[in-house]
Amino acid sequence: MSLISERADFRGPIAEPSLATVGDYIALLKPRVMSLVVFTALVGLAVAPGSIHPLTGFTALLCIAVGAGASGALNMWYDADVDALMARTARRPVPSGQVQPGEALAFGLTLSVFSVVVLGLLVNLLSAAMLAFTIFFYVVVYTMWLKRSTRQNIVIGGAAGAFPPMIGWAAVTGSVSFEPFLLFLIIFMWTPPHFWALAICRTEDYARAGIPMMPVVSGDAVTRRQILIYTLLLVPVGIAPWPFGYAGPLYGIVAVVTGAIMLWLAVQVLRERRPVDRASKQLFAFSILYLFLLFAVLLVERGWGGLIARLAA
């Protein structure tokens, strides 16, 4: 039996045309997630050695953005049934009925093929292959398999969100090396404390939808300890580009200070008890700023001057 027939309430044949607006289709792309993907990919592209034509660089970023949006659309298509049960996601275009399931599926598949093919033809095959794998990993491995089957869904699935700087690097160099892998590791280690902090605040939502997030299946106390453990791993990884010589003293100072704040907040999360969740909300919000600052400073120190020089060349 196909996935569509098994979940016919959200993925069945389209009975009648939808009245979806342009805004609904933009929402399918998960623009906030896309913006973070594009930014980290830009940093990977900007700090990579060598040169790239400005139009080629723009094309690479556009394809990465479209690929990220395609992943979001396919995620919303598949997860429409559980999204409808959660207060945070019930207003998304598919569960709210603004976009028909078949339309979301066709939209996501079309954008996926477009982004990979164009990246392969106009940039290079390695970056296209990595983008294709990222889309596959997010949609099939994370969304269709891990998300509903294991409490480690975010840990393993977080790899999908960590690939963009490596794709940006590969777009310039046609290869990968330890430096972009280090950027991958920063995002990979950042993902669990970031999302588990949110999951603590949304435990009832995830339980209602039957999604085995850490606080649902392992409990609140275990999740808080796991947040602290992953934050302890994240902080030295976040600082690592400085001692490895990939970043300057400004990056080092920012990484140390923001890492200390992340660690302090993780300790507060460990100490607090529900239903307060104040520290969890603070950690979730600050973690976004933490990742942005690390990559922004790296862009300023390592990539911005080189990027301007390439545009002027």
C-alpha atoms as a PDB file:
ATOM      1  CA  MET A   1       0.000   0.000   0.000  1.00  0.00           C
ATOM      2  CA  SER A   2       1.376   3.430  -0.868  1.00  0.00           C
ATOM      3  CA  LEU A   3       2.077   6.185   1.590  1.00  0.00           C
ATOM      4  CA  ILE A   4      -0.603   8.261  -0.097  1.00  0.00           C
ATOM      5  CA  SER A   5      -3.315   5.636   0.303  1.00  0.00           C
ATOM      6  CA  GLU A   6      -2.317   4.939   3.901  1.00  0.00           C
ATOM      7  CA  ARG A   7      -2.740   8.601   4.818  1.00  0.00           C
ATOM      8  CA  ALA A   8      -5.560   9.492   2.496  1.00  0.00           C
ATOM      9  CA  ASP A   9      -6.937  12.168   4.798  1.00  0.00           C
ATOM     10  CA  PHE A  10      -4.009  14.433   3.904  1.00  0.00           C
ATOM     11  CA  ARG A  11      -2.395  12.861   0.856  1.00  0.00           C
ATOM     12  CA  GLY A  12      -5.301  11.562  -1.154  1.00  0.00           C
ATOM     13  CA  PRO A  13      -6.333  12.734  -4.632  1.00  0.00           C
ATOM     14  CA  ILE A  14      -7.232  16.386  -4.973  1.00  0.00           C
ATOM     15  CA  ALA A  15     -11.003  16.716  -4.925  1.00  0.00           C
ATOM     16  CA  GLU A  16     -11.115  20.315  -6.091  1.00  0.00           C
ATOM     17  CA  PRO A  17      -8.669  23.143  -6.784  1.00  0.00           C
ATOM     18  CA  SER A  18      -7.346  25.016  -3.801  1.00  0.00           C
ATOM     19  CA  LEU A  19      -7.492  28.744  -3.325  1.00  0.00           C
ATOM     20  CA  ALA A  20      -3.857  28.971  -2.253  1.00  0.00           C
ATOM     21  CA  THR A  21      -2.179  32.354  -2.465  1.00  0.00           C
ATOM     22  CA  VAL A  22       1.423  33.199  -3.223  1.00  0.00           C
ATOM     23  CA  GLY A  23       1.894  33.678   0.503  1.00  0.00           C
ATOM     24  CA  ASP A  24       0.735  30.111   1.146  1.00  0.00           C
ATOM     25  CA  TYR A  25       3.351  28.735  -1.234  1.00  0.00           C
ATOM     26  CA  ILE A  26       6.017  30.923   0.345  1.00  0.00           C
ATOM     27  CA  ALA A  27       5.009  29.500   3.741  1.00  0.00           C
ATOM     28  CA  LEU A  28       5.528  25.997   2.330  1.00  0.00           C
ATOM     29  CA  LEU A  29       9.185  26.895   1.811  1.00  0.00           C
ATOM     30  CA  LYS A  30       9.702  27.520   5.551  1.00  0.00           C
ATOM     31  CA  PRO A  31      11.328  30.924   4.866  1.00  0.00           C
ATOM     32  CA  ARG A  32      12.811  31.323   8.359  1.00  0.00           C
ATOM     33  CA  VAL A  33      14.599  27.996   8.097  1.00  0.00           C
ATOM     34  CA  MET A  34      15.585  28.828   4.515  1.00  0.00           C
ATOM     35  CA  SER A  35      17.162  32.115   5.602  1.00  0.00           C
ATOM     36  CA  LEU A  36      19.424  30.312   8.079  1.00  0.00           C
ATOM     37  CA  VAL A  37      20.350  27.734   5.429  1.00  0.00           C
ATOM     38  CA  VAL A  38      21.248  30.443   2.911  1.00  0.00           C
ATOM     39  CA  PHE A  39      23.269  32.386   5.478  1.00  0.00           C
ATOM     40  CA  THR A  40      25.372  29.394   6.562  1.00  0.00           C
ATOM     41  CA  ALA A  41      25.844  28.399   2.915  1.00  0.00           C
ATOM     42  CA  LEU A  42      26.994  31.959   2.149  1.00  0.00           C
ATOM     43  CA  VAL A  43      29.612  31.698   4.887  1.00  0.00           C
ATOM     44  CA  GLY A  44      30.843  28.390   3.482  1.00  0.00           C
ATOM     45  CA  LEU A  45      31.059  29.922   0.026  1.00  0.00           C
ATOM     46  CA  ALA A  46      32.739  33.115   1.241  1.00  0.00           C
ATOM     47  CA  VAL A  47      35.469  31.492   3.345  1.00  0.00           C
ATOM     48  CA  ALA A  48      36.354  28.860   0.732  1.00  0.00           C
ATOM     49  CA  PRO A  49      39.717  29.319  -1.000  1.00  0.00           C
ATOM     50  CA  GLY A  50      39.860  30.089  -4.687  1.00  0.00           C
ATOM     51  CA  SER A  51      37.541  32.204  -6.785  1.00  0.00           C
ATOM     52  CA  ILE A  52      34.028  31.978  -8.154  1.00  0.00           C
ATOM     53  CA  HIS A  53      32.220  34.187 -10.654  1.00  0.00           C
ATOM     54  CA  PRO A  54      29.623  36.391  -8.917  1.00  0.00           C
ATOM     55  CA  LEU A  55      26.833  35.012 -11.096  1.00  0.00           C
ATOM     56  CA  THR A  56      27.920  31.452 -10.351  1.00  0.00           C
ATOM     57  CA  GLY A  57      28.016  32.203  -6.632  1.00  0.00           C
ATOM     58  CA  PHE A  58      24.543  33.738  -6.775  1.00  0.00           C
ATOM     59  CA  THR A  59      23.285  30.714  -8.700  1.00  0.00           C
ATOM     60  CA  ALA A  60      24.727  28.372  -6.075  1.00  0.00           C
ATOM     61  CA  LEU A  61      23.042  30.248  -3.226  1.00  0.00           C
ATOM     62  CA  LEU A  62      19.758  30.409  -5.125  1.00  0.00           C
ATOM     63  CA  CYS A  63      19.807  26.658  -5.761  1.00  0.00           C
ATOM     64  CA  ILE A  64      20.638  25.944  -2.129  1.00  0.00           C
ATOM     65  CA  ALA A  65      17.746  28.198  -1.055  1.00  0.00           C
ATOM     66  CA  VAL A  66      15.330  26.530  -3.476  1.00  0.00           C
ATOM     67  CA  GLY A  67      16.497  23.089  -2.356  1.00  0.00           C
ATOM     68  CA  ALA A  68      15.931  24.034   1.274  1.00  0.00           C
ATOM     69  CA  GLY A  69      12.481  25.344   0.411  1.00  0.00           C
ATOM     70  CA  ALA A  70      11.695  22.156  -1.499  1.00  0.00           C
ATOM     71  CA  SER A  71      12.640  20.120   1.576  1.00  0.00           C
ATOM     72  CA  GLY A  72      10.302  22.251   3.678  1.00  0.00           C
ATOM     73  CA  ALA A  73       7.415  21.764   1.241  1.00  0.00           C
ATOM     74  CA  LEU A  74       7.898  17.993   1.157  1.00  0.00           C
ATOM     75  CA  ASN A  75       8.163  17.932   4.947  1.00  0.00           C
ATOM     76  CA  MET A  76       4.847  19.794   5.232  1.00  0.00           C
ATOM     77  CA  TRP A  77       3.228  17.453   2.714  1.00  0.00           C
ATOM     78  CA  TYR A  78       4.253  14.319   4.606  1.00  0.00           C
ATOM     79  CA  ASP A  79       3.705  15.714   8.112  1.00  0.00           C
ATOM     80  CA  ALA A  80       0.308  17.302   7.452  1.00  0.00           C
ATOM     81  CA  ASP A  81      -1.481  14.724   9.608  1.00  0.00           C
ATOM     82  CA  VAL A  82       0.663  15.352  12.706  1.00  0.00           C
ATOM     83  CA  ASP A  83       0.933  19.085  11.993  1.00  0.00           C
ATOM     84  CA  ALA A  84      -2.856  19.289  12.268  1.00  0.00           C
ATOM     85  CA  LEU A  85      -2.649  17.976  15.862  1.00  0.00           C
ATOM     86  CA  MET A  86      -0.089  20.501  17.083  1.00  0.00           C
ATOM     87  CA  ALA A  87      -0.902  24.082  18.037  1.00  0.00           C
ATOM     88  CA  ARG A  88       2.449  25.307  16.686  1.00  0.00           C
ATOM     89  CA  THR A  89       1.890  23.832  13.212  1.00  0.00           C
ATOM     90  CA  ALA A  90      -1.886  23.546  12.742  1.00  0.00           C
ATOM     91  CA  ARG A  91      -2.021  26.775  10.720  1.00  0.00           C
ATOM     92  CA  ARG A  92       0.514  25.574   8.143  1.00  0.00           C
ATOM     93  CA  PRO A  93      -0.801  25.643   4.557  1.00  0.00           C
ATOM     94  CA  VAL A  94      -1.563  21.921   4.137  1.00  0.00           C
ATOM     95  CA  PRO A  95      -3.269  21.033   7.451  1.00  0.00           C
ATOM     96  CA  SER A  96      -5.199  24.313   7.343  1.00  0.00           C
ATOM     97  CA  GLY A  97      -6.506  23.424   3.877  1.00  0.00           C
ATOM     98  CA  GLN A  98      -5.004  26.385   2.058  1.00  0.00           C
ATOM     99  CA  VAL A  99      -2.808  24.138  -0.103  1.00  0.00           C
ATOM    100  CA  GLN A 100      -3.930  20.710  -1.272  1.00  0.00           C
ATOM    101  CA  PRO A 101      -1.589  17.802  -0.402  1.00  0.00           C
ATOM    102  CA  GLY A 102      -0.970  16.916  -4.044  1.00  0.00           C
ATOM    103  CA  GLU A 103      -0.059  20.497  -4.820  1.00  0.00           C
ATOM    104  CA  ALA A 104       2.469  20.613  -1.984  1.00  0.00           C
ATOM    105  CA  LEU A 105       3.990  17.325  -3.147  1.00  0.00           C
ATOM    106  CA  ALA A 106       4.258  18.459  -6.771  1.00  0.00           C
ATOM    107  CA  PHE A 107       5.650  21.828  -5.696  1.00  0.00           C
ATOM    108  CA  GLY A 108       8.314  20.246  -3.505  1.00  0.00           C
ATOM    109  CA  LEU A 109       9.371  17.643  -6.072  1.00  0.00           C
ATOM    110  CA  THR A 110       9.569  20.220  -8.869  1.00  0.00           C
ATOM    111  CA  LEU A 111      11.733  22.568  -6.823  1.00  0.00           C
ATOM    112  CA  SER A 112      13.951  19.678  -5.700  1.00  0.00           C
ATOM    113  CA  VAL A 113      14.687  18.569  -9.257  1.00  0.00           C
ATOM    114  CA  PHE A 114      15.143  22.155 -10.447  1.00  0.00           C
ATOM    115  CA  SER A 115      17.609  23.099  -7.700  1.00  0.00           C
ATOM    116  CA  VAL A 116      19.774  20.001  -8.096  1.00  0.00           C
ATOM    117  CA  VAL A 117      19.842  20.014 -11.907  1.00  0.00           C
ATOM    118  CA  VAL A 118      20.621  23.732 -12.179  1.00  0.00           C
ATOM    119  CA  LEU A 119      23.325  23.507  -9.508  1.00  0.00           C
ATOM    120  CA  GLY A 120      24.902  20.571 -11.319  1.00  0.00           C
ATOM    121  CA  LEU A 121      24.781  22.200 -14.749  1.00  0.00           C
ATOM    122  CA  LEU A 122      25.826  25.735 -13.803  1.00  0.00           C
ATOM    123  CA  VAL A 123      28.082  25.231 -10.767  1.00  0.00           C
ATOM    124  CA  ASN A 124      29.540  21.738 -10.277  1.00  0.00           C
ATOM    125  CA  LEU A 125      28.476  18.143  -9.789  1.00  0.00           C
ATOM    126  CA  LEU A 126      29.806  17.729  -6.242  1.00  0.00           C
ATOM    127  CA  SER A 127      27.739  20.587  -4.832  1.00  0.00           C
ATOM    128  CA  ALA A 128      24.673  19.283  -6.719  1.00  0.00           C
ATOM    129  CA  ALA A 129      25.175  15.772  -5.364  1.00  0.00           C
ATOM    130  CA  MET A 130      25.519  17.133  -1.829  1.00  0.00           C
ATOM    131  CA  LEU A 131      22.341  19.192  -2.237  1.00  0.00           C
ATOM    132  CA  ALA A 132      20.467  16.148  -3.558  1.00  0.00           C
ATOM    133  CA  PHE A 133      21.674  14.089  -0.591  1.00  0.00           C
ATOM    134  CA  THR A 134      20.654  16.849   1.833  1.00  0.00           C
ATOM    135  CA  ILE A 135      17.121  16.962   0.424  1.00  0.00           C
ATOM    136  CA  PHE A 136      16.898  13.162   0.517  1.00  0.00           C
ATOM    137  CA  PHE A 137      18.237  13.022   4.063  1.00  0.00           C
ATOM    138  CA  TYR A 138      15.807  15.643   5.377  1.00  0.00           C
ATOM    139  CA  VAL A 139      12.727  14.310   3.612  1.00  0.00           C
ATOM    140  CA  VAL A 140      13.242  10.542   3.621  1.00  0.00           C
ATOM    141  CA  VAL A 141      15.658   9.789   6.462  1.00  0.00           C
ATOM    142  CA  TYR A 142      14.490  12.444   8.933  1.00  0.00           C
ATOM    143  CA  THR A 143      10.869  13.265   8.069  1.00  0.00           C
ATOM    144  CA  MET A 144       9.614   9.874   6.902  1.00  0.00           C
ATOM    145  CA  TRP A 145      11.705   7.626   9.155  1.00  0.00           C
ATOM    146  CA  LEU A 146      13.510   9.108  12.148  1.00  0.00           C
ATOM    147  CA  LYS A 147      11.003  11.740  13.238  1.00  0.00           C
ATOM    148  CA  ARG A 148       8.300   9.196  14.085  1.00  0.00           C
ATOM    149  CA  SER A 149      10.467   6.279  15.134  1.00  0.00           C
ATOM    150  CA  THR A 150      13.180   7.380  17.582  1.00  0.00           C
ATOM    151  CA  ARG A 151      13.917   9.910  20.285  1.00  0.00           C
ATOM    152  CA  GLN A 152      17.227  10.524  18.496  1.00  0.00           C
ATOM    153  CA  ASN A 153      15.350  12.027  15.525  1.00  0.00           C
ATOM    154  CA  ILE A 154      16.779  15.498  16.029  1.00  0.00           C
ATOM    155  CA  VAL A 155      20.313  14.269  16.752  1.00  0.00           C
ATOM    156  CA  ILE A 156      20.645  12.265  13.531  1.00  0.00           C
ATOM    157  CA  GLY A 157      18.286  14.381  11.456  1.00  0.00           C
ATOM    158  CA  GLY A 158      20.215  17.501  12.387  1.00  0.00           C
ATOM    159  CA  ALA A 159      22.821  16.531   9.808  1.00  0.00           C
ATOM    160  CA  ALA A 160      20.487  17.806   7.073  1.00  0.00           C
ATOM    161  CA  GLY A 161      20.620  21.345   8.433  1.00  0.00           C
ATOM    162  CA  ALA A 162      24.391  21.161   8.873  1.00  0.00           C
ATOM    163  CA  PHE A 163      25.273  20.485   5.218  1.00  0.00           C
ATOM    164  CA  PRO A 164      24.726  23.984   3.657  1.00  0.00           C
ATOM    165  CA  PRO A 165      28.177  25.456   4.525  1.00  0.00           C
ATOM    166  CA  MET A 166      29.781  22.353   3.029  1.00  0.00           C
ATOM    167  CA  ILE A 167      27.690  22.782  -0.121  1.00  0.00           C
ATOM    168  CA  GLY A 168      28.719  26.439  -0.341  1.00  0.00           C
ATOM    169  CA  TRP A 169      32.376  25.445   0.049  1.00  0.00           C
ATOM    170  CA  ALA A 170      32.022  22.724  -2.611  1.00  0.00           C
ATOM    171  CA  ALA A 171      30.415  25.227  -5.000  1.00  0.00           C
ATOM    172  CA  VAL A 172      33.670  27.212  -4.961  1.00  0.00           C
ATOM    173  CA  THR A 173      36.293  24.507  -4.700  1.00  0.00           C
ATOM    174  CA  GLY A 174      34.630  21.409  -6.141  1.00  0.00           C
ATOM    175  CA  SER A 175      35.883  19.551  -3.056  1.00  0.00           C
ATOM    176  CA  VAL A 176      35.472  19.347   0.711  1.00  0.00           C
ATOM    177  CA  SER A 177      38.016  19.599   3.512  1.00  0.00           C
ATOM    178  CA  PHE A 178      38.274  19.776   7.284  1.00  0.00           C
ATOM    179  CA  GLU A 179      37.310  23.457   7.570  1.00  0.00           C
ATOM    180  CA  PRO A 180      33.779  23.149   6.126  1.00  0.00           C
ATOM    181  CA  PHE A 181      33.389  19.895   8.065  1.00  0.00           C
ATOM    182  CA  LEU A 182      34.091  21.889  11.229  1.00  0.00           C
ATOM    183  CA  LEU A 183      31.277  24.270  10.280  1.00  0.00           C
ATOM    184  CA  PHE A 184      29.099  21.201   9.760  1.00  0.00           C
ATOM    185  CA  LEU A 185      29.981  19.986  13.258  1.00  0.00           C
ATOM    186  CA  ILE A 186      29.060  23.326  14.842  1.00  0.00           C
ATOM    187  CA  ILE A 187      25.527  23.188  13.397  1.00  0.00           C
ATOM    188  CA  PHE A 188      25.239  19.457  14.077  1.00  0.00           C
ATOM    189  CA  MET A 189      26.086  19.870  17.781  1.00  0.00           C
ATOM    190  CA  TRP A 190      23.942  22.988  18.038  1.00  0.00           C
ATOM    191  CA  THR A 191      20.772  21.305  16.781  1.00  0.00           C
ATOM    192  CA  PRO A 192      19.902  19.026  19.764  1.00  0.00           C
ATOM    193  CA  PRO A 193      20.019  21.666  22.536  1.00  0.00           C
ATOM    194  CA  HIS A 194      18.263  24.139  20.249  1.00  0.00           C
ATOM    195  CA  PHE A 195      15.336  21.867  19.384  1.00  0.00           C
ATOM    196  CA  TRP A 196      15.088  20.036  22.701  1.00  0.00           C
ATOM    197  CA  ALA A 197      14.734  23.394  24.453  1.00  0.00           C
ATOM    198  CA  LEU A 198      11.720  24.010  22.218  1.00  0.00           C
ATOM    199  CA  ALA A 199      10.447  20.446  22.716  1.00  0.00           C
ATOM    200  CA  ILE A 200      10.402  20.926  26.504  1.00  0.00           C
ATOM    201  CA  CYS A 201       8.034  23.849  25.998  1.00  0.00           C
ATOM    202  CA  ARG A 202       5.909  21.852  23.516  1.00  0.00           C
ATOM    203  CA  THR A 203       5.861  18.427  25.151  1.00  0.00           C
ATOM    204  CA  GLU A 204       2.077  18.162  25.145  1.00  0.00           C
ATOM    205  CA  ASP A 205       1.973  19.084  21.450  1.00  0.00           C
ATOM    206  CA  TYR A 206       4.447  16.377  20.492  1.00  0.00           C
ATOM    207  CA  ALA A 207       2.746  13.812  22.724  1.00  0.00           C
ATOM    208  CA  ARG A 208      -0.640  14.573  21.140  1.00  0.00           C
ATOM    209  CA  ALA A 209       0.849  14.072  17.687  1.00  0.00           C
ATOM    210  CA  GLY A 210       2.593  10.851  18.712  1.00  0.00           C
ATOM    211  CA  ILE A 211       6.076  12.141  17.848  1.00  0.00           C
ATOM    212  CA  PRO A 212       8.736  10.507  20.085  1.00  0.00           C
ATOM    213  CA  MET A 213      10.656  13.611  20.974  1.00  0.00           C
ATOM    214  CA  MET A 214      13.088  13.226  23.867  1.00  0.00           C
ATOM    215  CA  PRO A 215      10.870  14.827  26.568  1.00  0.00           C
ATOM    216  CA  VAL A 216       7.890  12.701  25.472  1.00  0.00           C
ATOM    217  CA  VAL A 217       9.545   9.269  25.613  1.00  0.00           C
ATOM    218  CA  SER A 218      12.414   9.808  28.068  1.00  0.00           C
ATOM    219  CA  GLY A 219      10.989  12.450  30.331  1.00  0.00           C
ATOM    220  CA  ASP A 220      11.748  16.011  31.269  1.00  0.00           C
ATOM    221  CA  ALA A 221      14.766  15.332  33.511  1.00  0.00           C
ATOM    222  CA  VAL A 222      16.594  13.195  30.937  1.00  0.00           C
ATOM    223  CA  THR A 223      16.027  15.816  28.239  1.00  0.00           C
ATOM    224  CA  ARG A 224      17.468  18.575  30.395  1.00  0.00           C
ATOM    225  CA  ARG A 225      20.573  16.492  31.097  1.00  0.00           C
ATOM    226  CA  GLN A 226      20.966  15.762  27.387  1.00  0.00           C
ATOM    227  CA  ILE A 227      20.723  19.482  26.613  1.00  0.00           C
ATOM    228  CA  LEU A 228      23.577  20.165  29.024  1.00  0.00           C
ATOM    229  CA  ILE A 229      25.690  17.313  27.608  1.00  0.00           C
ATOM    230  CA  TYR A 230      25.300  18.488  24.022  1.00  0.00           C
ATOM    231  CA  THR A 231      25.966  22.091  25.042  1.00  0.00           C
ATOM    232  CA  LEU A 232      29.183  20.948  26.711  1.00  0.00           C
ATOM    233  CA  LEU A 233      30.142  19.331  23.397  1.00  0.00           C
ATOM    234  CA  LEU A 234      29.011  22.324  21.357  1.00  0.00           C
ATOM    235  CA  VAL A 235      31.019  25.021  23.146  1.00  0.00           C
ATOM    236  CA  PRO A 236      34.535  23.682  22.357  1.00  0.00           C
ATOM    237  CA  VAL A 237      33.459  22.790  18.807  1.00  0.00           C
ATOM    238  CA  GLY A 238      32.186  26.347  18.392  1.00  0.00           C
ATOM    239  CA  ILE A 239      35.522  27.734  19.602  1.00  0.00           C
ATOM    240  CA  ALA A 240      37.606  25.301  17.511  1.00  0.00           C
ATOM    241  CA  PRO A 241      37.944  27.409  14.311  1.00  0.00           C
ATOM    242  CA  TRP A 242      40.050  29.889  16.319  1.00  0.00           C
ATOM    243  CA  PRO A 243      42.806  27.548  17.657  1.00  0.00           C
ATOM    244  CA  PHE A 244      42.812  25.669  14.346  1.00  0.00           C
ATOM    245  CA  GLY A 245      43.708  28.934  12.610  1.00  0.00           C
ATOM    246  CA  TYR A 246      40.500  29.216  10.575  1.00  0.00           C
ATOM    247  CA  ALA A 247      39.338  32.323  12.465  1.00  0.00           C
ATOM    248  CA  GLY A 248      40.868  35.334  14.163  1.00  0.00           C
ATOM    249  CA  PRO A 249      40.770  36.726  17.704  1.00  0.00           C
ATOM    250  CA  LEU A 250      37.390  38.450  17.259  1.00  0.00           C
ATOM    251  CA  TYR A 251      35.805  35.118  16.448  1.00  0.00           C
ATOM    252  CA  GLY A 252      37.569  33.549  19.420  1.00  0.00           C
ATOM    253  CA  ILE A 253      36.254  36.188  21.828  1.00  0.00           C
ATOM    254  CA  VAL A 254      32.696  35.938  20.485  1.00  0.00           C
ATOM    255  CA  ALA A 255      32.783  32.124  20.540  1.00  0.00           C
ATOM    256  CA  VAL A 256      34.049  32.015  24.131  1.00  0.00           C
ATOM    257  CA  VAL A 257      31.584  34.611  25.446  1.00  0.00           C
ATOM    258  CA  THR A 258      28.508  33.283  23.644  1.00  0.00           C
ATOM    259  CA  GLY A 259      29.534  29.716  24.439  1.00  0.00           C
ATOM    260  CA  ALA A 260      29.711  30.598  28.123  1.00  0.00           C
ATOM    261  CA  ILE A 261      26.211  32.087  27.926  1.00  0.00           C
ATOM    262  CA  MET A 262      24.931  28.961  26.175  1.00  0.00           C
ATOM    263  CA  LEU A 263      26.456  26.810  28.899  1.00  0.00           C
ATOM    264  CA  TRP A 264      25.038  28.975  31.681  1.00  0.00           C
ATOM    265  CA  LEU A 265      21.563  28.779  30.142  1.00  0.00           C
ATOM    266  CA  ALA A 266      21.876  24.998  29.760  1.00  0.00           C
ATOM    267  CA  VAL A 267      22.692  24.744  33.477  1.00  0.00           C
ATOM    268  CA  GLN A 268      19.603  26.847  34.242  1.00  0.00           C
ATOM    269  CA  VAL A 269      17.524  24.529  32.063  1.00  0.00           C
ATOM    270  CA  LEU A 270      18.832  21.575  34.079  1.00  0.00           C
ATOM    271  CA  ARG A 271      17.877  23.245  37.347  1.00  0.00           C
ATOM    272  CA  GLU A 272      14.411  24.505  36.452  1.00  0.00           C
ATOM    273  CA  ARG A 273      11.262  22.441  36.839  1.00  0.00           C
ATOM    274  CA  ARG A 274       8.110  22.462  34.805  1.00  0.00           C
ATOM    275  CA  PRO A 275       5.754  24.171  34.237  1.00  0.00           C
ATOM    276  CA  VAL A 276       7.998  27.267  34.333  1.00  0.00           C
ATOM    277  CA  ASP A 277      10.146  26.542  31.226  1.00  0.00           C
ATOM    278  CA  ARG A 278      11.594  30.065  31.346  1.00  0.00           C
ATOM    279  CA  ALA A 279      15.198  28.967  30.947  1.00  0.00           C
ATOM    280  CA  SER A 280      14.230  26.591  28.130  1.00  0.00           C
ATOM    281  CA  LYS A 281      12.628  29.437  26.201  1.00  0.00           C
ATOM    282  CA  GLN A 282      15.663  31.625  26.836  1.00  0.00           C
ATOM    283  CA  LEU A 283      18.033  28.912  25.639  1.00  0.00           C
ATOM    284  CA  PHE A 284      15.974  28.306  22.498  1.00  0.00           C
ATOM    285  CA  ALA A 285      15.955  32.025  21.656  1.00  0.00           C
ATOM    286  CA  PHE A 286      19.628  32.608  22.478  1.00  0.00           C
ATOM    287  CA  SER A 287      20.771  29.537  20.555  1.00  0.00           C
ATOM    288  CA  ILE A 288      19.573  31.187  17.337  1.00  0.00           C
ATOM    289  CA  LEU A 289      21.592  34.303  18.147  1.00  0.00           C
ATOM    290  CA  TYR A 290      24.586  32.147  19.116  1.00  0.00           C
ATOM    291  CA  LEU A 291      24.741  30.378  15.763  1.00  0.00           C
ATOM    292  CA  PHE A 292      24.146  33.599  13.839  1.00  0.00           C
ATOM    293  CA  LEU A 293      26.933  35.437  15.674  1.00  0.00           C
ATOM    294  CA  LEU A 294      29.486  32.674  15.124  1.00  0.00           C
ATOM    295  CA  PHE A 295      28.857  32.553  11.394  1.00  0.00           C
ATOM    296  CA  ALA A 296      28.498  36.338  11.061  1.00  0.00           C
ATOM    297  CA  VAL A 297      31.857  36.993  12.720  1.00  0.00           C
ATOM    298  CA  LEU A 298      33.464  34.278  10.633  1.00  0.00           C
ATOM    299  CA  LEU A 299      32.021  35.952   7.538  1.00  0.00           C
ATOM    300  CA  VAL A 300      33.388  39.341   8.587  1.00  0.00           C
ATOM    301  CA  GLU A 301      36.822  38.035   9.557  1.00  0.00           C
ATOM    302  CA  ARG A 302      37.432  35.446   6.886  1.00  0.00           C
ATOM    303  CA  GLY A 303      34.993  35.778   4.085  1.00  0.00           C
ATOM    304  CA  TRP A 304      33.654  39.277   3.573  1.00  0.00           C
ATOM    305  CA  GLY A 305      36.838  40.822   2.233  1.00  0.00           C
ATOM    306  CA  GLY A 306      37.467  37.878  -0.047  1.00  0.00           C
ATOM    307  CA  LEU A 307      33.869  37.892  -1.243  1.00  0.00           C
ATOM    308  CA  ILE A 308      34.033  41.594  -2.118  1.00  0.00           C
ATOM    309  CA  ALA A 309      37.286  41.030  -3.960  1.00  0.00           C
ATOM    310  CA  ARG A 310      35.687  38.259  -5.998  1.00  0.00           C
ATOM    311  CA  LEU A 311      32.701  40.444  -6.869  1.00  0.00           C
ATOM    312  CA  ALA A 312      35.041  43.252  -7.947  1.00  0.00           C
ATOM    313  CA  ALA A 313      37.275  40.982 -10.004  1.00  0.00           C
END
